[in-house]
Amino acid sequence: MTKLKIMVVDDEKGYRDEIGEYLDGCGFDTIALGTPQDALSWLKENNADLAILDLRLPQMSGLELMKRVIA
């Protein structure tokens, strides 16, 4: 059975790590990233089944990042 891959993007390391650790403990395959640019770079070579995005990110909002990911 394939694990669901979840990408967490949050500029606050504490939140990002806590969410990632919780999801890992639930059996998901998670990647935790700190900036929209990190997420876009990672997505060039990988994919995610689900993205959890902070709305207030540096350089662009979580909504803008979502638009760029699904475009």
PDB file of N, CA and C in Angstrom:
ATOM      1  N   MET A   1       0.835  -1.173   0.000  1.00  0.00           N
ATOM      2  CA  MET A   1       0.000   0.000   0.000  1.00  0.00           C
ATOM      3  C   MET A   1       0.890   1.250   0.000  1.00  0.00           C
ATOM      4  N   THR A   2       0.629   2.180  -0.919  1.00  0.00           N
ATOM      5  CA  THR A   2       1.399   3.398  -1.044  1.00  0.00           C
ATOM      6  C   THR A   2       0.948   4.432  -0.012  1.00  0.00           C
ATOM      7  N   LYS A   3       1.920   5.074   0.613  1.00  0.00           N
ATOM      8  CA  LYS A   3       1.606   6.123   1.574  1.00  0.00           C
ATOM      9  C   LYS A   3       1.190   7.395   0.840  1.00  0.00           C
ATOM     10  N   LEU A   4       0.237   8.090   1.421  1.00  0.00           N
ATOM     11  CA  LEU A   4      -0.169   9.390   0.909  1.00  0.00           C
ATOM     12  C   LEU A   4       0.962  10.377   1.181  1.00  0.00           C
ATOM     13  N   LYS A   5       1.381  11.140   0.166  1.00  0.00           N
ATOM     14  CA  LYS A   5       2.465  12.107   0.318  1.00  0.00           C
ATOM     15  C   LYS A   5       1.871  13.491   0.547  1.00  0.00           C
ATOM     16  N   ILE A   6       2.264  14.116   1.660  1.00  0.00           N
ATOM     17  CA  ILE A   6       1.733  15.422   2.041  1.00  0.00           C
ATOM     18  C   ILE A   6       2.872  16.431   2.112  1.00  0.00           C
ATOM     19  N   MET A   7       2.681  17.565   1.431  1.00  0.00           N
ATOM     20  CA  MET A   7       3.645  18.653   1.462  1.00  0.00           C
ATOM     21  C   MET A   7       3.118  19.723   2.420  1.00  0.00           C
ATOM     22  N   VAL A   8       3.940  20.093   3.401  1.00  0.00           N
ATOM     23  CA  VAL A   8       3.591  21.137   4.363  1.00  0.00           C
ATOM     24  C   VAL A   8       4.494  22.330   4.087  1.00  0.00           C
ATOM     25  N   VAL A   9       3.885  23.509   3.864  1.00  0.00           N
ATOM     26  CA  VAL A   9       4.668  24.714   3.617  1.00  0.00           C
ATOM     27  C   VAL A   9       4.277  25.756   4.657  1.00  0.00           C
ATOM     28  N   ASP A  10       5.235  26.102   5.511  1.00  0.00           N
ATOM     29  CA  ASP A  10       5.019  27.103   6.549  1.00  0.00           C
ATOM     30  C   ASP A  10       6.355  27.745   6.858  1.00  0.00           C
ATOM     31  N   ASP A  11       6.393  29.061   6.940  1.00  0.00           N
ATOM     32  CA  ASP A  11       7.646  29.754   7.204  1.00  0.00           C
ATOM     33  C   ASP A  11       8.047  29.707   8.677  1.00  0.00           C
ATOM     34  N   GLU A  12       7.143  29.301   9.548  1.00  0.00           N
ATOM     35  CA  GLU A  12       7.473  29.179  10.963  1.00  0.00           C
ATOM     36  C   GLU A  12       7.890  27.738  11.259  1.00  0.00           C
ATOM     37  N   LYS A  13       9.181  27.579  11.530  1.00  0.00           N
ATOM     38  CA  LYS A  13       9.767  26.243  11.686  1.00  0.00           C
ATOM     39  C   LYS A  13       9.052  25.394  12.739  1.00  0.00           C
ATOM     40  N   GLY A  14       8.661  25.984  13.844  1.00  0.00           N
ATOM     41  CA  GLY A  14       7.983  25.223  14.899  1.00  0.00           C
ATOM     42  C   GLY A  14       6.695  24.593  14.415  1.00  0.00           C
ATOM     43  N   TYR A  15       5.871  25.382  13.737  1.00  0.00           N
ATOM     44  CA  TYR A  15       4.607  24.853  13.208  1.00  0.00           C
ATOM     45  C   TYR A  15       4.872  23.790  12.151  1.00  0.00           C
ATOM     46  N   ARG A  16       5.790  24.112  11.236  1.00  0.00           N
ATOM     47  CA  ARG A  16       6.126  23.200  10.135  1.00  0.00           C
ATOM     48  C   ARG A  16       6.598  21.852  10.672  1.00  0.00           C
ATOM     49  N   ASP A  17       7.499  21.876  11.632  1.00  0.00           N
ATOM     50  CA  ASP A  17       8.028  20.637  12.193  1.00  0.00           C
ATOM     51  C   ASP A  17       6.953  19.865  12.963  1.00  0.00           C
ATOM     52  N   GLU A  18       6.147  20.584  13.723  1.00  0.00           N
ATOM     53  CA  GLU A  18       5.113  19.917  14.517  1.00  0.00           C
ATOM     54  C   GLU A  18       4.078  19.230  13.630  1.00  0.00           C
ATOM     55  N   ILE A  19       3.639  19.923  12.594  1.00  0.00           N
ATOM     56  CA  ILE A  19       2.667  19.329  11.668  1.00  0.00           C
ATOM     57  C   ILE A  19       3.287  18.121  10.964  1.00  0.00           C
ATOM     58  N   GLY A  20       4.520  18.276  10.480  1.00  0.00           N
ATOM     59  CA  GLY A  20       5.207  17.178   9.797  1.00  0.00           C
ATOM     60  C   GLY A  20       5.388  15.958  10.680  1.00  0.00           C
ATOM     61  N   GLU A  21       5.796  16.172  11.923  1.00  0.00           N
ATOM     62  CA  GLU A  21       5.984  15.051  12.848  1.00  0.00           C
ATOM     63  C   GLU A  21       4.660  14.351  13.153  1.00  0.00           C
ATOM     64  N   TYR A  22       3.614  15.125  13.320  1.00  0.00           N
ATOM     65  CA  TYR A  22       2.297  14.530  13.593  1.00  0.00           C
ATOM     66  C   TYR A  22       1.856  13.662  12.411  1.00  0.00           C
ATOM     67  N   LEU A  23       1.985  14.207  11.212  1.00  0.00           N
ATOM     68  CA  LEU A  23       1.561  13.457  10.026  1.00  0.00           C
ATOM     69  C   LEU A  23       2.431  12.216   9.805  1.00  0.00           C
ATOM     70  N   ASP A  24       3.731  12.339  10.040  1.00  0.00           N
ATOM     71  CA  ASP A  24       4.616  11.166   9.953  1.00  0.00           C
ATOM     72  C   ASP A  24       4.158  10.090  10.931  1.00  0.00           C
ATOM     73  N   GLY A  25       3.814  10.510  12.149  1.00  0.00           N
ATOM     74  CA  GLY A  25       3.347   9.570  13.170  1.00  0.00           C
ATOM     75  C   GLY A  25       2.040   8.901  12.807  1.00  0.00           C
ATOM     76  N   CYS A  26       1.256   9.552  11.954  1.00  0.00           N
ATOM     77  CA  CYS A  26      -0.012   8.973  11.487  1.00  0.00           C
ATOM     78  C   CYS A  26       0.194   8.050  10.286  1.00  0.00           C
ATOM     79  N   GLY A  27       1.446   7.924   9.844  1.00  0.00           N
ATOM     80  CA  GLY A  27       1.741   7.008   8.746  1.00  0.00           C
ATOM     81  C   GLY A  27       1.809   7.639   7.371  1.00  0.00           C
ATOM     82  N   PHE A  28       1.804   8.973   7.302  1.00  0.00           N
ATOM     83  CA  PHE A  28       1.900   9.643   6.003  1.00  0.00           C
ATOM     84  C   PHE A  28       3.355   9.913   5.672  1.00  0.00           C
ATOM     85  N   ASP A  29       3.640  10.060   4.390  1.00  0.00           N
ATOM     86  CA  ASP A  29       4.958  10.452   3.911  1.00  0.00           C
ATOM     87  C   ASP A  29       4.908  11.968   3.759  1.00  0.00           C
ATOM     88  N   THR A  30       5.656  12.703   4.578  1.00  0.00           N
ATOM     89  CA  THR A  30       5.555  14.161   4.551  1.00  0.00           C
ATOM     90  C   THR A  30       6.874  14.811   4.166  1.00  0.00           C
ATOM     91  N   ILE A  31       6.742  15.975   3.553  1.00  0.00           N
ATOM     92  CA  ILE A  31       7.870  16.850   3.279  1.00  0.00           C
ATOM     93  C   ILE A  31       7.482  18.211   3.839  1.00  0.00           C
ATOM     94  N   ALA A  32       8.339  18.797   4.649  1.00  0.00           N
ATOM     95  CA  ALA A  32       8.071  20.092   5.268  1.00  0.00           C
ATOM     96  C   ALA A  32       9.038  21.120   4.697  1.00  0.00           C
ATOM     97  N   LEU A  33       8.478  22.189   4.136  1.00  0.00           N
ATOM     98  CA  LEU A  33       9.278  23.213   3.467  1.00  0.00           C
ATOM     99  C   LEU A  33       8.949  24.587   4.031  1.00  0.00           C
ATOM    100  N   GLY A  34       9.932  25.509   3.985  1.00  0.00           N
ATOM    101  CA  GLY A  34       9.769  26.796   4.642  1.00  0.00           C
ATOM    102  C   GLY A  34       9.381  27.964   3.763  1.00  0.00           C
ATOM    103  N   THR A  35       9.537  27.835   2.441  1.00  0.00           N
ATOM    104  CA  THR A  35       9.205  28.958   1.563  1.00  0.00           C
ATOM    105  C   THR A  35       8.459  28.465   0.325  1.00  0.00           C
ATOM    106  N   PRO A  36       7.703  29.355  -0.313  1.00  0.00           N
ATOM    107  CA  PRO A  36       7.047  28.978  -1.566  1.00  0.00           C
ATOM    108  C   PRO A  36       8.061  28.552  -2.634  1.00  0.00           C
ATOM    109  N   GLN A  37       9.213  29.212  -2.667  1.00  0.00           N
ATOM    110  CA  GLN A  37      10.229  28.854  -3.660  1.00  0.00           C
ATOM    111  C   GLN A  37      10.759  27.453  -3.424  1.00  0.00           C
ATOM    112  N   ASP A  38      10.942  27.079  -2.147  1.00  0.00           N
ATOM    113  CA  ASP A  38      11.359  25.707  -1.837  1.00  0.00           C
ATOM    114  C   ASP A  38      10.321  24.713  -2.321  1.00  0.00           C
ATOM    115  N   ALA A  39       9.057  25.034  -2.118  1.00  0.00           N
ATOM    116  CA  ALA A  39       7.970  24.142  -2.534  1.00  0.00           C
ATOM    117  C   ALA A  39       7.942  23.992  -4.051  1.00  0.00           C
ATOM    118  N   LEU A  40       8.050  25.113  -4.772  1.00  0.00           N
ATOM    119  CA  LEU A  40       8.017  25.048  -6.234  1.00  0.00           C
ATOM    120  C   LEU A  40       9.213  24.272  -6.783  1.00  0.00           C
ATOM    121  N   SER A  41      10.374  24.468  -6.189  1.00  0.00           N
ATOM    122  CA  SER A  41      11.568  23.716  -6.617  1.00  0.00           C
ATOM    123  C   SER A  41      11.393  22.226  -6.363  1.00  0.00           C
ATOM    124  N   TRP A  42      10.888  21.880  -5.173  1.00  0.00           N
ATOM    125  CA  TRP A  42      10.681  20.477  -4.825  1.00  0.00           C
ATOM    126  C   TRP A  42       9.677  19.823  -5.775  1.00  0.00           C
ATOM    127  N   LEU A  43       8.635  20.567  -6.127  1.00  0.00           N
ATOM    128  CA  LEU A  43       7.588  20.024  -6.997  1.00  0.00           C
ATOM    129  C   LEU A  43       8.035  19.816  -8.444  1.00  0.00           C
ATOM    130  N   LYS A  44       9.147  20.415  -8.838  1.00  0.00           N
ATOM    131  CA  LYS A  44       9.663  20.192 -10.192  1.00  0.00           C
ATOM    132  C   LYS A  44      10.075  18.738 -10.397  1.00  0.00           C
ATOM    133  N   GLU A  45      10.513  18.075  -9.302  1.00  0.00           N
ATOM    134  CA  GLU A  45      10.990  16.696  -9.419  1.00  0.00           C
ATOM    135  C   GLU A  45      10.168  15.697  -8.611  1.00  0.00           C
ATOM    136  N   ASN A  46       9.174  16.173  -7.885  1.00  0.00           N
ATOM    137  CA  ASN A  46       8.374  15.326  -7.013  1.00  0.00           C
ATOM    138  C   ASN A  46       6.909  15.696  -7.157  1.00  0.00           C
ATOM    139  N   ASN A  47       6.060  14.912  -6.524  1.00  0.00           N
ATOM    140  CA  ASN A  47       4.649  15.269  -6.492  1.00  0.00           C
ATOM    141  C   ASN A  47       4.114  15.033  -5.088  1.00  0.00           C
ATOM    142  N   ALA A  48       2.993  15.662  -4.823  1.00  0.00           N
ATOM    143  CA  ALA A  48       2.342  15.511  -3.529  1.00  0.00           C
ATOM    144  C   ALA A  48       0.871  15.211  -3.771  1.00  0.00           C
ATOM    145  N   ASP A  49       0.305  14.389  -2.912  1.00  0.00           N
ATOM    146  CA  ASP A  49      -1.115  14.082  -3.001  1.00  0.00           C
ATOM    147  C   ASP A  49      -1.958  15.164  -2.330  1.00  0.00           C
ATOM    148  N   LEU A  50      -1.341  15.856  -1.363  1.00  0.00           N
ATOM    149  CA  LEU A  50      -2.038  16.870  -0.580  1.00  0.00           C
ATOM    150  C   LEU A  50      -1.039  17.931  -0.173  1.00  0.00           C
ATOM    151  N   ALA A  51      -1.474  19.188  -0.156  1.00  0.00           N
ATOM    152  CA  ALA A  51      -0.609  20.280   0.299  1.00  0.00           C
ATOM    153  C   ALA A  51      -1.305  21.027   1.427  1.00  0.00           C
ATOM    154  N   ILE A  52      -0.570  21.257   2.494  1.00  0.00           N
ATOM    155  CA  ILE A  52      -1.038  22.084   3.607  1.00  0.00           C
ATOM    156  C   ILE A  52      -0.195  23.350   3.557  1.00  0.00           C
ATOM    157  N   LEU A  53      -0.850  24.483   3.271  1.00  0.00           N
ATOM    158  CA  LEU A  53      -0.138  25.726   3.033  1.00  0.00           C
ATOM    159  C   LEU A  53      -0.522  26.788   4.046  1.00  0.00           C
ATOM    160  N   ASP A  54       0.478  27.445   4.600  1.00  0.00           N
ATOM    161  CA  ASP A  54       0.248  28.629   5.414  1.00  0.00           C
ATOM    162  C   ASP A  54      -0.230  29.729   4.471  1.00  0.00           C
ATOM    163  N   LEU A  55      -1.233  30.489   4.864  1.00  0.00           N
ATOM    164  CA  LEU A  55      -1.731  31.561   4.004  1.00  0.00           C
ATOM    165  C   LEU A  55      -0.773  32.749   3.968  1.00  0.00           C
ATOM    166  N   ARG A  56      -0.065  32.992   5.065  1.00  0.00           N
ATOM    167  CA  ARG A  56       0.851  34.131   5.141  1.00  0.00           C
ATOM    168  C   ARG A  56       2.292  33.637   5.033  1.00  0.00           C
ATOM    169  N   LEU A  57       2.779  33.595   3.812  1.00  0.00           N
ATOM    170  CA  LEU A  57       4.141  33.149   3.539  1.00  0.00           C
ATOM    171  C   LEU A  57       4.959  34.318   2.989  1.00  0.00           C
ATOM    172  N   PRO A  58       6.279  34.267   3.119  1.00  0.00           N
ATOM    173  CA  PRO A  58       7.099  35.319   2.522  1.00  0.00           C
ATOM    174  C   PRO A  58       7.090  35.193   0.995  1.00  0.00           C
ATOM    175  N   GLN A  59       7.232  36.282   0.335  1.00  0.00           N
ATOM    176  CA  GLN A  59       7.297  36.385  -1.125  1.00  0.00           C
ATOM    177  C   GLN A  59       5.951  36.203  -1.832  1.00  0.00           C
ATOM    178  N   MET A  60       5.100  35.295  -1.393  1.00  0.00           N
ATOM    179  CA  MET A  60       3.777  35.119  -1.991  1.00  0.00           C
ATOM    180  C   MET A  60       2.872  34.435  -0.973  1.00  0.00           C
ATOM    181  N   SER A  61       1.579  34.641  -1.111  1.00  0.00           N
ATOM    182  CA  SER A  61       0.637  34.024  -0.167  1.00  0.00           C
ATOM    183  C   SER A  61       0.469  32.539  -0.473  1.00  0.00           C
ATOM    184  N   GLY A  62      -0.068  31.825   0.487  1.00  0.00           N
ATOM    185  CA  GLY A  62      -0.373  30.420   0.271  1.00  0.00           C
ATOM    186  C   GLY A  62      -1.374  30.224  -0.850  1.00  0.00           C
ATOM    187  N   LEU A  63      -2.302  31.181  -1.002  1.00  0.00           N
ATOM    188  CA  LEU A  63      -3.275  31.094  -2.101  1.00  0.00           C
ATOM    189  C   LEU A  63      -2.593  31.252  -3.457  1.00  0.00           C
ATOM    190  N   GLU A  64      -1.650  32.183  -3.549  1.00  0.00           N
ATOM    191  CA  GLU A  64      -0.909  32.352  -4.795  1.00  0.00           C
ATOM    192  C   GLU A  64      -0.079  31.115  -5.100  1.00  0.00           C
ATOM    193  N   LEU A  65       0.544  30.548  -4.095  1.00  0.00           N
ATOM    194  CA  LEU A  65       1.300  29.311  -4.282  1.00  0.00           C
ATOM    195  C   LEU A  65       0.387  28.196  -4.789  1.00  0.00           C
ATOM    196  N   MET A  66      -0.794  28.072  -4.206  1.00  0.00           N
ATOM    197  CA  MET A  66      -1.736  27.044  -4.655  1.00  0.00           C
ATOM    198  C   MET A  66      -2.106  27.247  -6.117  1.00  0.00           C
ATOM    199  N   LYS A  67      -2.355  28.479  -6.505  1.00  0.00           N
ATOM    200  CA  LYS A  67      -2.689  28.776  -7.914  1.00  0.00           C
ATOM    201  C   LYS A  67      -1.563  28.373  -8.847  1.00  0.00           C
ATOM    202  N   ARG A  68      -0.326  28.625  -8.433  1.00  0.00           N
ATOM    203  CA  ARG A  68       0.819  28.272  -9.267  1.00  0.00           C
ATOM    204  C   ARG A  68       1.022  26.765  -9.353  1.00  0.00           C
ATOM    205  N   VAL A  69       0.725  26.078  -8.272  1.00  0.00           N
ATOM    206  CA  VAL A  69       0.890  24.616  -8.242  1.00  0.00           C
ATOM    207  C   VAL A  69      -0.131  23.944  -9.155  1.00  0.00           C
ATOM    208  N   ILE A  70      -1.363  24.402  -9.131  1.00  0.00           N
ATOM    209  CA  ILE A  70      -2.406  23.711  -9.908  1.00  0.00           C
ATOM    210  C   ILE A  70      -2.507  24.212 -11.330  1.00  0.00           C
ATOM    211  N   ALA A  71      -1.793  25.283 -11.681  1.00  0.00           N
ATOM    212  CA  ALA A  71      -1.856  25.829 -13.044  1.00  0.00           C
ATOM    213  C   ALA A  71      -1.140  24.938 -14.033  1.00  0.00           C
TER     214      ALA A  71
END
